[in-house]
Amino acid sequence: FDPASAQKLGRMLGAKYFFTGKITGNDEKLNKMRRVQYSLFLQVTEVENGLIHFQDQVDRSKAIER
């Protein structure tokens, strides 16, 4: 994500904000247990000035007995 390119593209499209994010996951196995971890990152950036209006990350983990 290049902020300078994002501003140019956003102006061409008439957009006011860019929403960017990332989802990651990890799966671990140990004996009869399996643990799954997920992470979601979200960011809202104003196109005109590059100001970040919102940014948050949420992590979830769950153990599953096999």
N, C-alpha and C. Protein backbone atom coordinates (compact mmCIF):
# COMPACT_ATOMS: atom_id res chain seq x y z
N PHE A 1 0.85 -1.18 0.00
CA PHE A 1 0.00 0.00 0.00
C PHE A 1 0.89 1.23 0.00
N ASP A 2 0.82 1.99 -1.06
CA ASP A 2 1.61 3.21 -1.21
C ASP A 2 0.67 4.41 -1.06
N PRO A 3 0.80 5.19 0.03
CA PRO A 3 -0.11 6.31 0.26
C PRO A 3 -0.14 7.33 -0.88
N ALA A 4 0.99 7.61 -1.50
CA ALA A 4 1.03 8.58 -2.59
C ALA A 4 0.22 8.08 -3.79
N SER A 5 0.38 6.83 -4.14
CA SER A 5 -0.39 6.25 -5.24
C SER A 5 -1.87 6.16 -4.88
N ALA A 6 -2.15 5.86 -3.63
CA ALA A 6 -3.54 5.75 -3.18
C ALA A 6 -4.25 7.09 -3.31
N GLN A 7 -3.58 8.18 -2.96
CA GLN A 7 -4.19 9.50 -3.10
C GLN A 7 -4.52 9.79 -4.56
N LYS A 8 -3.60 9.52 -5.45
CA LYS A 8 -3.81 9.78 -6.87
C LYS A 8 -4.96 8.94 -7.41
N LEU A 9 -4.96 7.65 -7.09
CA LEU A 9 -6.01 6.76 -7.56
C LEU A 9 -7.36 7.13 -6.96
N GLY A 10 -7.36 7.46 -5.67
CA GLY A 10 -8.60 7.85 -5.00
C GLY A 10 -9.23 9.08 -5.61
N ARG A 11 -8.42 10.05 -5.95
CA ARG A 11 -8.94 11.27 -6.60
C ARG A 11 -9.52 10.94 -7.97
N MET A 12 -8.84 10.08 -8.72
CA MET A 12 -9.33 9.69 -10.05
C MET A 12 -10.68 8.98 -9.95
N LEU A 13 -10.87 8.19 -8.90
CA LEU A 13 -12.11 7.44 -8.72
C LEU A 13 -13.19 8.22 -7.99
N GLY A 14 -12.82 9.36 -7.42
CA GLY A 14 -13.76 10.16 -6.65
C GLY A 14 -14.02 9.59 -5.26
N ALA A 15 -13.10 8.77 -4.76
CA ALA A 15 -13.27 8.16 -3.44
C ALA A 15 -12.81 9.13 -2.35
N LYS A 16 -13.46 9.06 -1.20
CA LYS A 16 -13.07 9.88 -0.07
C LYS A 16 -12.21 9.10 0.92
N TYR A 17 -12.46 7.78 1.04
CA TYR A 17 -11.72 6.93 1.97
C TYR A 17 -11.24 5.65 1.30
N PHE A 18 -10.15 5.13 1.82
CA PHE A 18 -9.66 3.80 1.45
C PHE A 18 -9.81 2.90 2.65
N PHE A 19 -10.34 1.71 2.43
CA PHE A 19 -10.42 0.69 3.46
C PHE A 19 -9.39 -0.38 3.12
N THR A 20 -8.46 -0.63 4.01
CA THR A 20 -7.47 -1.67 3.80
C THR A 20 -7.46 -2.59 5.01
N GLY A 21 -7.02 -3.81 4.78
CA GLY A 21 -7.00 -4.75 5.88
C GLY A 21 -6.22 -6.01 5.55
N LYS A 22 -6.16 -6.86 6.55
CA LYS A 22 -5.42 -8.10 6.39
C LYS A 22 -6.01 -9.14 7.34
N ILE A 23 -6.17 -10.36 6.83
CA ILE A 23 -6.62 -11.49 7.65
C ILE A 23 -5.51 -12.53 7.64
N THR A 24 -5.12 -12.98 8.83
CA THR A 24 -4.09 -14.02 8.93
C THR A 24 -4.61 -15.14 9.81
N GLY A 25 -4.07 -16.32 9.61
CA GLY A 25 -4.48 -17.46 10.41
C GLY A 25 -3.30 -18.36 10.72
N ASN A 26 -3.43 -19.09 11.82
CA ASN A 26 -2.39 -20.01 12.23
C ASN A 26 -3.07 -21.24 12.85
N ASP A 27 -2.57 -22.41 12.52
CA ASP A 27 -3.16 -23.66 12.99
C ASP A 27 -2.05 -24.49 13.64
N GLU A 28 -2.22 -24.82 14.92
CA GLU A 28 -1.21 -25.61 15.63
C GLU A 28 -1.84 -26.91 16.10
N LYS A 29 -1.07 -28.00 16.02
CA LYS A 29 -1.55 -29.30 16.49
C LYS A 29 -0.58 -29.84 17.53
N LEU A 30 -1.13 -30.29 18.66
CA LEU A 30 -0.33 -30.86 19.74
C LEU A 30 -1.12 -32.00 20.36
N ASN A 31 -0.60 -33.20 20.22
CA ASN A 31 -1.27 -34.41 20.72
C ASN A 31 -2.70 -34.48 20.19
N LYS A 32 -3.68 -34.43 21.08
CA LYS A 32 -5.08 -34.52 20.65
C LYS A 32 -5.76 -33.16 20.56
N MET A 33 -5.01 -32.09 20.74
CA MET A 33 -5.58 -30.74 20.69
C MET A 33 -5.15 -30.03 19.41
N ARG A 34 -6.04 -29.20 18.93
CA ARG A 34 -5.75 -28.36 17.77
C ARG A 34 -6.15 -26.94 18.17
N ARG A 35 -5.25 -25.99 17.96
CA ARG A 35 -5.54 -24.59 18.28
C ARG A 35 -5.51 -23.78 17.00
N VAL A 36 -6.58 -23.02 16.77
CA VAL A 36 -6.70 -22.19 15.58
C VAL A 36 -6.70 -20.73 16.04
N GLN A 37 -5.86 -19.91 15.41
CA GLN A 37 -5.78 -18.48 15.74
C GLN A 37 -6.00 -17.66 14.48
N TYR A 38 -6.84 -16.65 14.59
CA TYR A 38 -7.11 -15.74 13.47
C TYR A 38 -6.88 -14.31 13.93
N SER A 39 -6.44 -13.48 13.01
CA SER A 39 -6.23 -12.07 13.30
C SER A 39 -6.79 -11.24 12.14
N LEU A 40 -7.54 -10.19 12.46
CA LEU A 40 -8.11 -9.28 11.47
C LEU A 40 -7.62 -7.87 11.77
N PHE A 41 -7.02 -7.21 10.76
CA PHE A 41 -6.56 -5.84 10.89
C PHE A 41 -7.32 -5.00 9.87
N LEU A 42 -7.86 -3.84 10.30
CA LEU A 42 -8.63 -2.96 9.42
C LEU A 42 -8.18 -1.53 9.63
N GLN A 43 -8.06 -0.80 8.52
CA GLN A 43 -7.65 0.61 8.59
C GLN A 43 -8.46 1.42 7.58
N VAL A 44 -8.93 2.59 8.02
CA VAL A 44 -9.67 3.52 7.15
C VAL A 44 -8.84 4.79 7.03
N THR A 45 -8.46 5.12 5.79
CA THR A 45 -7.59 6.27 5.52
C THR A 45 -8.30 7.25 4.60
N GLU A 46 -8.20 8.54 4.92
CA GLU A 46 -8.78 9.57 4.06
C GLU A 46 -7.87 9.77 2.86
N VAL A 47 -8.45 9.75 1.67
CA VAL A 47 -7.69 9.83 0.43
C VAL A 47 -6.96 11.16 0.29
N GLU A 48 -7.64 12.25 0.56
CA GLU A 48 -7.09 13.58 0.28
C GLU A 48 -5.81 13.88 1.05
N ASN A 49 -5.76 13.51 2.33
CA ASN A 49 -4.60 13.91 3.14
C ASN A 49 -3.85 12.74 3.79
N GLY A 50 -4.32 11.52 3.59
CA GLY A 50 -3.64 10.35 4.15
C GLY A 50 -3.86 10.16 5.65
N LEU A 51 -4.80 10.91 6.22
CA LEU A 51 -5.10 10.81 7.65
C LEU A 51 -5.81 9.49 7.95
N ILE A 52 -5.33 8.77 8.97
CA ILE A 52 -5.96 7.51 9.37
C ILE A 52 -7.11 7.85 10.33
N HIS A 53 -8.33 7.49 9.93
CA HIS A 53 -9.51 7.78 10.74
C HIS A 53 -9.84 6.64 11.70
N PHE A 54 -9.51 5.43 11.33
CA PHE A 54 -9.83 4.28 12.17
C PHE A 54 -8.80 3.19 11.91
N GLN A 55 -8.41 2.52 12.98
CA GLN A 55 -7.46 1.41 12.85
C GLN A 55 -7.70 0.48 14.04
N ASP A 56 -7.84 -0.82 13.76
CA ASP A 56 -8.07 -1.76 14.85
C ASP A 56 -7.60 -3.15 14.43
N GLN A 57 -7.24 -3.94 15.41
CA GLN A 57 -6.86 -5.33 15.18
C GLN A 57 -7.59 -6.19 16.20
N VAL A 58 -8.15 -7.30 15.72
CA VAL A 58 -8.87 -8.23 16.58
C VAL A 58 -8.24 -9.61 16.40
N ASP A 59 -7.98 -10.29 17.52
CA ASP A 59 -7.40 -11.63 17.49
C ASP A 59 -8.37 -12.60 18.14
N ARG A 60 -8.51 -13.77 17.55
CA ARG A 60 -9.36 -14.82 18.10
C ARG A 60 -8.57 -16.12 18.13
N SER A 61 -8.81 -16.91 19.17
CA SER A 61 -8.13 -18.19 19.32
C SER A 61 -9.15 -19.21 19.82
N LYS A 62 -9.05 -20.43 19.30
CA LYS A 62 -9.98 -21.47 19.72
C LYS A 62 -9.24 -22.80 19.78
N ALA A 63 -9.41 -23.54 20.87
CA ALA A 63 -8.83 -24.86 21.02
C ALA A 63 -9.91 -25.91 20.71
N ILE A 64 -9.54 -26.90 19.93
CA ILE A 64 -10.47 -27.94 19.52
C ILE A 64 -9.86 -29.29 19.91
N GLU A 65 -10.63 -30.09 20.64
CA GLU A 65 -10.15 -31.42 21.00
C GLU A 65 -10.50 -32.39 19.87
N ARG A 66 -9.52 -33.16 19.47
CA ARG A 66 -9.74 -34.08 18.35
C ARG A 66 -10.09 -35.45 18.82
